[in-house]
Amino acid sequence: MDSSELAGTNDALGGGNATRKSRISYYYDEDFSVFQFSEAHPMKPLRVKMTDTLIKEYDLHRRMESIGVDQAYINNVDLSTFHSDDYVDCLKHITVD
């Protein structure tokens, strides 16, 4: 494949890198900042809270798409496409308590 063939190649999100307008969505719930999956898991409560604080302090949330996720969507989405079965099972059975 030469460089002229690469120029028209679409990326994984369906658009050419040079022409696709980026869209960013951000979902945060206060409960994220109190739950820790495990010591080894990278999603730490402090890290989640710091990320949310930085996003708001820099007004980045104003440049992101605001989305609401309803229960029907959550029940039908296939999270195992991107996550391990153990992690998906954890999400299905997690409670704040």
PDB file of N, CA and C in Angstrom:
ATOM      1  N   MET A   1       0.848  -1.171   0.000  1.00  0.00           N
ATOM      2  CA  MET A   1       0.000   0.000   0.000  1.00  0.00           C
ATOM      3  C   MET A   1       0.895   1.236   0.000  1.00  0.00           C
ATOM      4  N   ASP A   2       0.676   2.142  -0.963  1.00  0.00           N
ATOM      5  CA  ASP A   2       1.484   3.353  -0.987  1.00  0.00           C
ATOM      6  C   ASP A   2       0.769   4.499  -0.262  1.00  0.00           C
ATOM      7  N   SER A   3       1.428   5.648  -0.159  1.00  0.00           N
ATOM      8  CA  SER A   3       0.892   6.762   0.624  1.00  0.00           C
ATOM      9  C   SER A   3      -0.405   7.309   0.046  1.00  0.00           C
ATOM     10  N   SER A   4      -0.622   7.219  -1.267  1.00  0.00           N
ATOM     11  CA  SER A   4      -1.871   7.714  -1.844  1.00  0.00           C
ATOM     12  C   SER A   4      -3.046   6.833  -1.426  1.00  0.00           C
ATOM     13  N   GLU A   5      -2.812   5.534  -1.227  1.00  0.00           N
ATOM     14  CA  GLU A   5      -3.871   4.645  -0.751  1.00  0.00           C
ATOM     15  C   GLU A   5      -4.171   4.903   0.720  1.00  0.00           C
ATOM     16  N   LEU A   6      -3.143   5.223   1.514  1.00  0.00           N
ATOM     17  CA  LEU A   6      -3.339   5.490   2.926  1.00  0.00           C
ATOM     18  C   LEU A   6      -4.135   6.771   3.170  1.00  0.00           C
ATOM     19  N   ALA A   7      -4.009   7.739   2.282  1.00  0.00           N
ATOM     20  CA  ALA A   7      -4.660   9.029   2.484  1.00  0.00           C
ATOM     21  C   ALA A   7      -6.177   8.898   2.574  1.00  0.00           C
ATOM     22  N   GLY A   8      -6.761   7.949   1.869  1.00  0.00           N
ATOM     23  CA  GLY A   8      -8.208   7.784   1.888  1.00  0.00           C
ATOM     24  C   GLY A   8      -8.695   6.760   2.890  1.00  0.00           C
ATOM     25  N   THR A   9      -7.796   6.227   3.690  1.00  0.00           N
ATOM     26  CA  THR A   9      -8.167   5.192   4.643  1.00  0.00           C
ATOM     27  C   THR A   9      -9.015   5.764   5.765  1.00  0.00           C
ATOM     28  N   ASN A  10     -10.123   5.086   6.066  1.00  0.00           N
ATOM     29  CA  ASN A  10     -10.959   5.496   7.183  1.00  0.00           C
ATOM     30  C   ASN A  10     -10.401   4.935   8.472  1.00  0.00           C
ATOM     31  N   ASP A  11     -10.608   5.667   9.544  1.00  0.00           N
ATOM     32  CA  ASP A  11     -10.195   5.166  10.842  1.00  0.00           C
ATOM     33  C   ASP A  11     -11.293   4.277  11.422  1.00  0.00           C
ATOM     34  N   ALA A  12     -11.074   3.756  12.620  1.00  0.00           N
ATOM     35  CA  ALA A  12     -12.010   2.817  13.239  1.00  0.00           C
ATOM     36  C   ALA A  12     -13.368   3.446  13.540  1.00  0.00           C
ATOM     37  N   LEU A  13     -13.443   4.764  13.617  1.00  0.00           N
ATOM     38  CA  LEU A  13     -14.703   5.434  13.930  1.00  0.00           C
ATOM     39  C   LEU A  13     -15.479   5.830  12.682  1.00  0.00           C
ATOM     40  N   GLY A  14     -14.960   5.459  11.518  1.00  0.00           N
ATOM     41  CA  GLY A  14     -15.714   5.658  10.286  1.00  0.00           C
ATOM     42  C   GLY A  14     -15.421   6.935   9.532  1.00  0.00           C
ATOM     43  N   GLY A  15     -14.405   7.660   9.882  1.00  0.00           N
ATOM     44  CA  GLY A  15     -14.087   8.887   9.168  1.00  0.00           C
ATOM     45  C   GLY A  15     -12.610   9.003   8.939  1.00  0.00           C
ATOM     46  N   GLY A  16     -12.238   9.812   7.953  1.00  0.00           N
ATOM     47  CA  GLY A  16     -10.829  10.073   7.730  1.00  0.00           C
ATOM     48  C   GLY A  16     -10.300  10.921   8.873  1.00  0.00           C
ATOM     49  N   ASN A  17      -9.131  10.633   9.362  1.00  0.00           N
ATOM     50  CA  ASN A  17      -8.577  11.370  10.502  1.00  0.00           C
ATOM     51  C   ASN A  17      -8.521  12.879  10.250  1.00  0.00           C
ATOM     52  N   ALA A  18      -8.194  13.276   9.033  1.00  0.00           N
ATOM     53  CA  ALA A  18      -8.031  14.694   8.749  1.00  0.00           C
ATOM     54  C   ALA A  18      -9.366  15.415   8.607  1.00  0.00           C
ATOM     55  N   THR A  19     -10.429  14.711   8.287  1.00  0.00           N
ATOM     56  CA  THR A  19     -11.700  15.369   8.005  1.00  0.00           C
ATOM     57  C   THR A  19     -12.765  15.146   9.065  1.00  0.00           C
ATOM     58  N   ARG A  20     -12.594  14.191   9.929  1.00  0.00           N
ATOM     59  CA  ARG A  20     -13.619  13.882  10.924  1.00  0.00           C
ATOM     60  C   ARG A  20     -13.578  14.888  12.059  1.00  0.00           C
ATOM     61  N   LYS A  21     -14.730  15.482  12.375  1.00  0.00           N
ATOM     62  CA  LYS A  21     -14.807  16.391  13.517  1.00  0.00           C
ATOM     63  C   LYS A  21     -14.936  15.546  14.774  1.00  0.00           C
ATOM     64  N   SER A  22     -14.085  15.805  15.746  1.00  0.00           N
ATOM     65  CA  SER A  22     -14.102  15.030  16.980  1.00  0.00           C
ATOM     66  C   SER A  22     -15.331  15.372  17.811  1.00  0.00           C
ATOM     67  N   ARG A  23     -15.914  14.333  18.411  1.00  0.00           N
ATOM     68  CA  ARG A  23     -17.008  14.499  19.357  1.00  0.00           C
ATOM     69  C   ARG A  23     -16.595  13.822  20.642  1.00  0.00           C
ATOM     70  N   ILE A  24     -16.767  14.508  21.730  1.00  0.00           N
ATOM     71  CA  ILE A  24     -16.378  13.967  23.022  1.00  0.00           C
ATOM     72  C   ILE A  24     -17.589  13.972  23.934  1.00  0.00           C
ATOM     73  N   SER A  25     -17.822  12.847  24.565  1.00  0.00           N
ATOM     74  CA  SER A  25     -18.898  12.743  25.543  1.00  0.00           C
ATOM     75  C   SER A  25     -18.270  12.444  26.899  1.00  0.00           C
ATOM     76  N   TYR A  26     -18.918  12.936  27.931  1.00  0.00           N
ATOM     77  CA  TYR A  26     -18.399  12.758  29.278  1.00  0.00           C
ATOM     78  C   TYR A  26     -19.562  12.395  30.183  1.00  0.00           C
ATOM     79  N   TYR A  27     -19.409  11.307  30.897  1.00  0.00           N
ATOM     80  CA  TYR A  27     -20.431  10.891  31.845  1.00  0.00           C
ATOM     81  C   TYR A  27     -19.784  10.780  33.213  1.00  0.00           C
ATOM     82  N   TYR A  28     -20.415  11.431  34.179  1.00  0.00           N
ATOM     83  CA  TYR A  28     -19.879  11.386  35.538  1.00  0.00           C
ATOM     84  C   TYR A  28     -21.048  11.272  36.509  1.00  0.00           C
ATOM     85  N   ASP A  29     -20.862  10.487  37.514  1.00  0.00           N
ATOM     86  CA  ASP A  29     -21.823  10.367  38.601  1.00  0.00           C
ATOM     87  C   ASP A  29     -21.020  10.425  39.894  1.00  0.00           C
ATOM     88  N   GLU A  30     -21.529  11.116  40.877  1.00  0.00           N
ATOM     89  CA  GLU A  30     -20.816  11.264  42.161  1.00  0.00           C
ATOM     90  C   GLU A  30     -20.460   9.904  42.770  1.00  0.00           C
ATOM     91  N   ASP A  31     -21.276   8.883  42.504  1.00  0.00           N
ATOM     92  CA  ASP A  31     -20.999   7.544  43.030  1.00  0.00           C
ATOM     93  C   ASP A  31     -19.674   6.975  42.513  1.00  0.00           C
ATOM     94  N   PHE A  32     -19.225   7.442  41.346  1.00  0.00           N
ATOM     95  CA  PHE A  32     -17.943   6.977  40.808  1.00  0.00           C
ATOM     96  C   PHE A  32     -16.791   7.346  41.734  1.00  0.00           C
ATOM     97  N   SER A  33     -16.953   8.432  42.469  1.00  0.00           N
ATOM     98  CA  SER A  33     -15.847   8.915  43.282  1.00  0.00           C
ATOM     99  C   SER A  33     -15.791   8.256  44.658  1.00  0.00           C
ATOM    100  N   VAL A  34     -16.643   7.283  44.918  1.00  0.00           N
ATOM    101  CA  VAL A  34     -16.617   6.605  46.215  1.00  0.00           C
ATOM    102  C   VAL A  34     -16.398   5.098  46.102  1.00  0.00           C
ATOM    103  N   PHE A  35     -16.353   4.577  44.888  1.00  0.00           N
ATOM    104  CA  PHE A  35     -16.214   3.136  44.723  1.00  0.00           C
ATOM    105  C   PHE A  35     -14.880   2.784  44.098  1.00  0.00           C
ATOM    106  N   GLN A  36     -14.197   1.807  44.665  1.00  0.00           N
ATOM    107  CA  GLN A  36     -12.939   1.320  44.110  1.00  0.00           C
ATOM    108  C   GLN A  36     -13.096  -0.156  43.776  1.00  0.00           C
ATOM    109  N   PHE A  37     -12.800  -0.520  42.520  1.00  0.00           N
ATOM    110  CA  PHE A  37     -12.943  -1.908  42.082  1.00  0.00           C
ATOM    111  C   PHE A  37     -11.951  -2.819  42.786  1.00  0.00           C
ATOM    112  N   SER A  38     -10.691  -2.424  42.775  1.00  0.00           N
ATOM    113  CA  SER A  38      -9.640  -3.183  43.444  1.00  0.00           C
ATOM    114  C   SER A  38      -8.399  -2.302  43.505  1.00  0.00           C
ATOM    115  N   GLU A  39      -7.426  -2.727  44.277  1.00  0.00           N
ATOM    116  CA  GLU A  39      -6.171  -1.973  44.366  1.00  0.00           C
ATOM    117  C   GLU A  39      -5.476  -1.896  43.011  1.00  0.00           C
ATOM    118  N   ALA A  40      -5.589  -2.962  42.225  1.00  0.00           N
ATOM    119  CA  ALA A  40      -4.890  -3.022  40.945  1.00  0.00           C
ATOM    120  C   ALA A  40      -5.629  -2.299  39.817  1.00  0.00           C
ATOM    121  N   HIS A  41      -6.917  -2.029  39.977  1.00  0.00           N
ATOM    122  CA  HIS A  41      -7.708  -1.400  38.912  1.00  0.00           C
ATOM    123  C   HIS A  41      -7.329   0.075  38.783  1.00  0.00           C
ATOM    124  N   PRO A  42      -7.142   0.568  37.551  1.00  0.00           N
ATOM    125  CA  PRO A  42      -6.693   1.954  37.369  1.00  0.00           C
ATOM    126  C   PRO A  42      -7.753   3.007  37.722  1.00  0.00           C
ATOM    127  N   MET A  43      -9.028   2.610  37.783  1.00  0.00           N
ATOM    128  CA  MET A  43     -10.067   3.584  38.102  1.00  0.00           C
ATOM    129  C   MET A  43     -10.164   3.743  39.622  1.00  0.00           C
ATOM    130  N   LYS A  44      -9.471   4.730  40.134  1.00  0.00           N
ATOM    131  CA  LYS A  44      -9.431   5.010  41.567  1.00  0.00           C
ATOM    132  C   LYS A  44     -10.388   6.160  41.880  1.00  0.00           C
ATOM    133  N   PRO A  45     -11.049   6.137  43.042  1.00  0.00           N
ATOM    134  CA  PRO A  45     -11.974   7.219  43.386  1.00  0.00           C
ATOM    135  C   PRO A  45     -11.340   8.610  43.322  1.00  0.00           C
ATOM    136  N   LEU A  46     -10.144   8.771  43.839  1.00  0.00           N
ATOM    137  CA  LEU A  46      -9.488  10.074  43.795  1.00  0.00           C
ATOM    138  C   LEU A  46      -9.217  10.503  42.357  1.00  0.00           C
ATOM    139  N   ARG A  47      -8.785   9.584  41.520  1.00  0.00           N
ATOM    140  CA  ARG A  47      -8.500   9.879  40.117  1.00  0.00           C
ATOM    141  C   ARG A  47      -9.774  10.327  39.393  1.00  0.00           C
ATOM    142  N   VAL A  48     -10.891   9.657  39.682  1.00  0.00           N
ATOM    143  CA  VAL A  48     -12.171  10.003  39.059  1.00  0.00           C
ATOM    144  C   VAL A  48     -12.596  11.411  39.477  1.00  0.00           C
ATOM    145  N   LYS A  49     -12.513  11.689  40.762  1.00  0.00           N
ATOM    146  CA  LYS A  49     -12.906  13.009  41.282  1.00  0.00           C
ATOM    147  C   LYS A  49     -11.991  14.104  40.755  1.00  0.00           C
ATOM    148  N   MET A  50     -10.687  13.853  40.697  1.00  0.00           N
ATOM    149  CA  MET A  50      -9.750  14.847  40.174  1.00  0.00           C
ATOM    150  C   MET A  50     -10.038  15.138  38.697  1.00  0.00           C
ATOM    151  N   THR A  51     -10.330  14.106  37.931  1.00  0.00           N
ATOM    152  CA  THR A  51     -10.643  14.291  36.520  1.00  0.00           C
ATOM    153  C   THR A  51     -11.882  15.163  36.358  1.00  0.00           C
ATOM    154  N   ASP A  52     -12.920  14.868  37.136  1.00  0.00           N
ATOM    155  CA  ASP A  52     -14.144  15.664  37.070  1.00  0.00           C
ATOM    156  C   ASP A  52     -13.870  17.120  37.459  1.00  0.00           C
ATOM    157  N   THR A  53     -13.107  17.332  38.496  1.00  0.00           N
ATOM    158  CA  THR A  53     -12.785  18.689  38.943  1.00  0.00           C
ATOM    159  C   THR A  53     -12.005  19.451  37.871  1.00  0.00           C
ATOM    160  N   LEU A  54     -11.010  18.816  37.274  1.00  0.00           N
ATOM    161  CA  LEU A  54     -10.222  19.470  36.221  1.00  0.00           C
ATOM    162  C   LEU A  54     -11.078  19.813  35.007  1.00  0.00           C
ATOM    163  N   ILE A  55     -11.934  18.893  34.605  1.00  0.00           N
ATOM    164  CA  ILE A  55     -12.809  19.138  33.460  1.00  0.00           C
ATOM    165  C   ILE A  55     -13.691  20.359  33.718  1.00  0.00           C
ATOM    166  N   LYS A  56     -14.239  20.450  34.914  1.00  0.00           N
ATOM    167  CA  LYS A  56     -15.113  21.583  35.237  1.00  0.00           C
ATOM    168  C   LYS A  56     -14.323  22.880  35.423  1.00  0.00           C
ATOM    169  N   GLU A  57     -13.168  22.835  36.065  1.00  0.00           N
ATOM    170  CA  GLU A  57     -12.372  24.047  36.292  1.00  0.00           C
ATOM    171  C   GLU A  57     -11.863  24.662  34.985  1.00  0.00           C
ATOM    172  N   TYR A  58     -11.579  23.827  33.999  1.00  0.00           N
ATOM    173  CA  TYR A  58     -11.117  24.322  32.707  1.00  0.00           C
ATOM    174  C   TYR A  58     -12.276  24.532  31.726  1.00  0.00           C
ATOM    175  N   ASP A  59     -13.508  24.402  32.206  1.00  0.00           N
ATOM    176  CA  ASP A  59     -14.717  24.573  31.385  1.00  0.00           C
ATOM    177  C   ASP A  59     -14.757  23.633  30.180  1.00  0.00           C
ATOM    178  N   LEU A  60     -14.086  22.512  30.292  1.00  0.00           N
ATOM    179  CA  LEU A  60     -14.077  21.559  29.186  1.00  0.00           C
ATOM    180  C   LEU A  60     -15.450  20.915  28.987  1.00  0.00           C
ATOM    181  N   HIS A  61     -16.216  20.809  30.060  1.00  0.00           N
ATOM    182  CA  HIS A  61     -17.539  20.194  29.956  1.00  0.00           C
ATOM    183  C   HIS A  61     -18.448  20.982  29.014  1.00  0.00           C
ATOM    184  N   ARG A  62     -18.180  22.248  28.808  1.00  0.00           N
ATOM    185  CA  ARG A  62     -18.979  23.068  27.888  1.00  0.00           C
ATOM    186  C   ARG A  62     -18.703  22.724  26.428  1.00  0.00           C
ATOM    187  N   ARG A  63     -17.592  22.068  26.170  1.00  0.00           N
ATOM    188  CA  ARG A  63     -17.218  21.699  24.797  1.00  0.00           C
ATOM    189  C   ARG A  63     -17.547  20.250  24.476  1.00  0.00           C
ATOM    190  N   MET A  64     -18.138  19.555  25.454  1.00  0.00           N
ATOM    191  CA  MET A  64     -18.457  18.142  25.285  1.00  0.00           C
ATOM    192  C   MET A  64     -19.948  17.954  25.094  1.00  0.00           C
ATOM    193  N   GLU A  65     -20.276  16.871  24.445  1.00  0.00           N
ATOM    194  CA  GLU A  65     -21.671  16.513  24.248  1.00  0.00           C
ATOM    195  C   GLU A  65     -22.245  16.029  25.579  1.00  0.00           C
ATOM    196  N   SER A  66     -23.371  16.588  25.950  1.00  0.00           N
ATOM    197  CA  SER A  66     -24.032  16.172  27.173  1.00  0.00           C
ATOM    198  C   SER A  66     -24.990  15.030  26.849  1.00  0.00           C
ATOM    199  N   ILE A  67     -24.825  13.905  27.537  1.00  0.00           N
ATOM    200  CA  ILE A  67     -25.671  12.752  27.250  1.00  0.00           C
ATOM    201  C   ILE A  67     -26.292  12.228  28.532  1.00  0.00           C
ATOM    202  N   GLY A  68     -27.445  11.667  28.363  1.00  0.00           N
ATOM    203  CA  GLY A  68     -28.088  10.946  29.450  1.00  0.00           C
ATOM    204  C   GLY A  68     -28.167   9.486  29.038  1.00  0.00           C
ATOM    205  N   VAL A  69     -27.904   8.605  29.935  1.00  0.00           N
ATOM    206  CA  VAL A  69     -27.926   7.185  29.605  1.00  0.00           C
ATOM    207  C   VAL A  69     -29.089   6.556  30.351  1.00  0.00           C
ATOM    208  N   ASP A  70     -30.044   6.026  29.594  1.00  0.00           N
ATOM    209  CA  ASP A  70     -31.198   5.421  30.253  1.00  0.00           C
ATOM    210  C   ASP A  70     -30.970   3.930  30.511  1.00  0.00           C
ATOM    211  N   GLN A  71     -31.748   3.375  31.402  1.00  0.00           N
ATOM    212  CA  GLN A  71     -31.593   1.985  31.829  1.00  0.00           C
ATOM    213  C   GLN A  71     -31.752   1.002  30.671  1.00  0.00           C
ATOM    214  N   ALA A  72     -32.654   1.275  29.730  1.00  0.00           N
ATOM    215  CA  ALA A  72     -32.859   0.378  28.583  1.00  0.00           C
ATOM    216  C   ALA A  72     -31.584   0.255  27.752  1.00  0.00           C
ATOM    217  N   TYR A  73     -30.910   1.369  27.545  1.00  0.00           N
ATOM    218  CA  TYR A  73     -29.654   1.343  26.802  1.00  0.00           C
ATOM    219  C   TYR A  73     -28.603   0.520  27.540  1.00  0.00           C
ATOM    220  N   ILE A  74     -28.481   0.769  28.833  1.00  0.00           N
ATOM    221  CA  ILE A  74     -27.496   0.051  29.643  1.00  0.00           C
ATOM    222  C   ILE A  74     -27.747  -1.452  29.600  1.00  0.00           C
ATOM    223  N   ASN A  75     -28.992  -1.849  29.640  1.00  0.00           N
ATOM    224  CA  ASN A  75     -29.336  -3.266  29.615  1.00  0.00           C
ATOM    225  C   ASN A  75     -29.036  -3.922  28.275  1.00  0.00           C
ATOM    226  N   ASN A  76     -29.013  -3.140  27.191  1.00  0.00           N
ATOM    227  CA  ASN A  76     -28.845  -3.714  25.852  1.00  0.00           C
ATOM    228  C   ASN A  76     -27.447  -3.568  25.258  1.00  0.00           C
ATOM    229  N   VAL A  77     -26.625  -2.727  25.841  1.00  0.00           N
ATOM    230  CA  VAL A  77     -25.298  -2.527  25.274  1.00  0.00           C
ATOM    231  C   VAL A  77     -24.393  -3.719  25.608  1.00  0.00           C
ATOM    232  N   ASP A  78     -23.545  -4.083  24.662  1.00  0.00           N
ATOM    233  CA  ASP A  78     -22.634  -5.211  24.850  1.00  0.00           C
ATOM    234  C   ASP A  78     -21.279  -4.681  25.324  1.00  0.00           C
ATOM    235  N   LEU A  79     -21.119  -4.581  26.635  1.00  0.00           N
ATOM    236  CA  LEU A  79     -19.878  -4.056  27.197  1.00  0.00           C
ATOM    237  C   LEU A  79     -18.697  -4.997  27.005  1.00  0.00           C
ATOM    238  N   SER A  80     -18.985  -6.275  26.752  1.00  0.00           N
ATOM    239  CA  SER A  80     -17.898  -7.244  26.591  1.00  0.00           C
ATOM    240  C   SER A  80     -17.102  -7.016  25.310  1.00  0.00           C
ATOM    241  N   THR A  81     -17.577  -6.127  24.452  1.00  0.00           N
ATOM    242  CA  THR A  81     -16.803  -5.767  23.265  1.00  0.00           C
ATOM    243  C   THR A  81     -15.505  -5.087  23.671  1.00  0.00           C
ATOM    244  N   PHE A  82     -15.548  -4.334  24.774  1.00  0.00           N
ATOM    245  CA  PHE A  82     -14.393  -3.554  25.196  1.00  0.00           C
ATOM    246  C   PHE A  82     -13.841  -3.955  26.561  1.00  0.00           C
ATOM    247  N   HIS A  83     -14.611  -4.755  27.325  1.00  0.00           N
ATOM    248  CA  HIS A  83     -14.211  -5.103  28.684  1.00  0.00           C
ATOM    249  C   HIS A  83     -14.265  -6.608  28.903  1.00  0.00           C
ATOM    250  N   SER A  84     -13.542  -7.079  29.907  1.00  0.00           N
ATOM    251  CA  SER A  84     -13.540  -8.502  30.220  1.00  0.00           C
ATOM    252  C   SER A  84     -14.887  -8.914  30.807  1.00  0.00           C
ATOM    253  N   ASP A  85     -15.199 -10.191  30.721  1.00  0.00           N
ATOM    254  CA  ASP A  85     -16.448 -10.709  31.278  1.00  0.00           C
ATOM    255  C   ASP A  85     -16.522 -10.496  32.788  1.00  0.00           C
ATOM    256  N   ASP A  86     -15.389 -10.618  33.480  1.00  0.00           N
ATOM    257  CA  ASP A  86     -15.350 -10.380  34.929  1.00  0.00           C
ATOM    258  C   ASP A  86     -15.744  -8.942  35.268  1.00  0.00           C
ATOM    259  N   TYR A  87     -15.235  -8.000  34.499  1.00  0.00           N
ATOM    260  CA  TYR A  87     -15.545  -6.594  34.735  1.00  0.00           C
ATOM    261  C   TYR A  87     -17.024  -6.311  34.465  1.00  0.00           C
ATOM    262  N   VAL A  88     -17.549  -6.851  33.378  1.00  0.00           N
ATOM    263  CA  VAL A  88     -18.960  -6.666  33.031  1.00  0.00           C
ATOM    264  C   VAL A  88     -19.844  -7.268  34.121  1.00  0.00           C
ATOM    265  N   ASP A  89     -19.474  -8.437  34.614  1.00  0.00           N
ATOM    266  CA  ASP A  89     -20.237  -9.071  35.686  1.00  0.00           C
ATOM    267  C   ASP A  89     -20.211  -8.204  36.944  1.00  0.00           C
ATOM    268  N   CYS A  90     -19.071  -7.622  37.247  1.00  0.00           N
ATOM    269  CA  CYS A  90     -18.947  -6.712  38.387  1.00  0.00           C
ATOM    270  C   CYS A  90     -19.896  -5.523  38.227  1.00  0.00           C
ATOM    271  N   LEU A  91     -19.936  -4.941  37.040  1.00  0.00           N
ATOM    272  CA  LEU A  91     -20.817  -3.799  36.799  1.00  0.00           C
ATOM    273  C   LEU A  91     -22.289  -4.161  36.963  1.00  0.00           C
ATOM    274  N   LYS A  92     -22.644  -5.352  36.549  1.00  0.00           N
ATOM    275  CA  LYS A  92     -24.047  -5.767  36.654  1.00  0.00           C
ATOM    276  C   LYS A  92     -24.501  -5.938  38.091  1.00  0.00           C
ATOM    277  N   HIS A  93     -23.569  -6.256  38.977  1.00  0.00           N
ATOM    278  CA  HIS A  93     -23.950  -6.566  40.360  1.00  0.00           C
ATOM    279  C   HIS A  93     -23.494  -5.525  41.377  1.00  0.00           C
ATOM    280  N   ILE A  94     -22.973  -4.430  40.909  1.00  0.00           N
ATOM    281  CA  ILE A  94     -22.441  -3.423  41.815  1.00  0.00           C
ATOM    282  C   ILE A  94     -23.587  -2.635  42.487  1.00  0.00           C
ATOM    283  N   THR A  95     -23.364  -2.283  43.725  1.00  0.00           N
ATOM    284  CA  THR A  95     -24.283  -1.397  44.434  1.00  0.00           C
ATOM    285  C   THR A  95     -23.459  -0.366  45.190  1.00  0.00           C
ATOM    286  N   VAL A  96     -24.064   0.745  45.500  1.00  0.00           N
ATOM    287  CA  VAL A  96     -23.362   1.790  46.241  1.00  0.00           C
ATOM    288  C   VAL A  96     -23.062   1.309  47.650  1.00  0.00           C
ATOM    289  N   ASP A  97     -23.969   0.500  48.204  1.00  0.00           N
ATOM    290  CA  ASP A  97     -23.760  -0.023  49.553  1.00  0.00           C
ATOM    291  C   ASP A  97     -22.614  -0.982  49.563  1.00  0.00           C
TER     292      ASP A  97
END
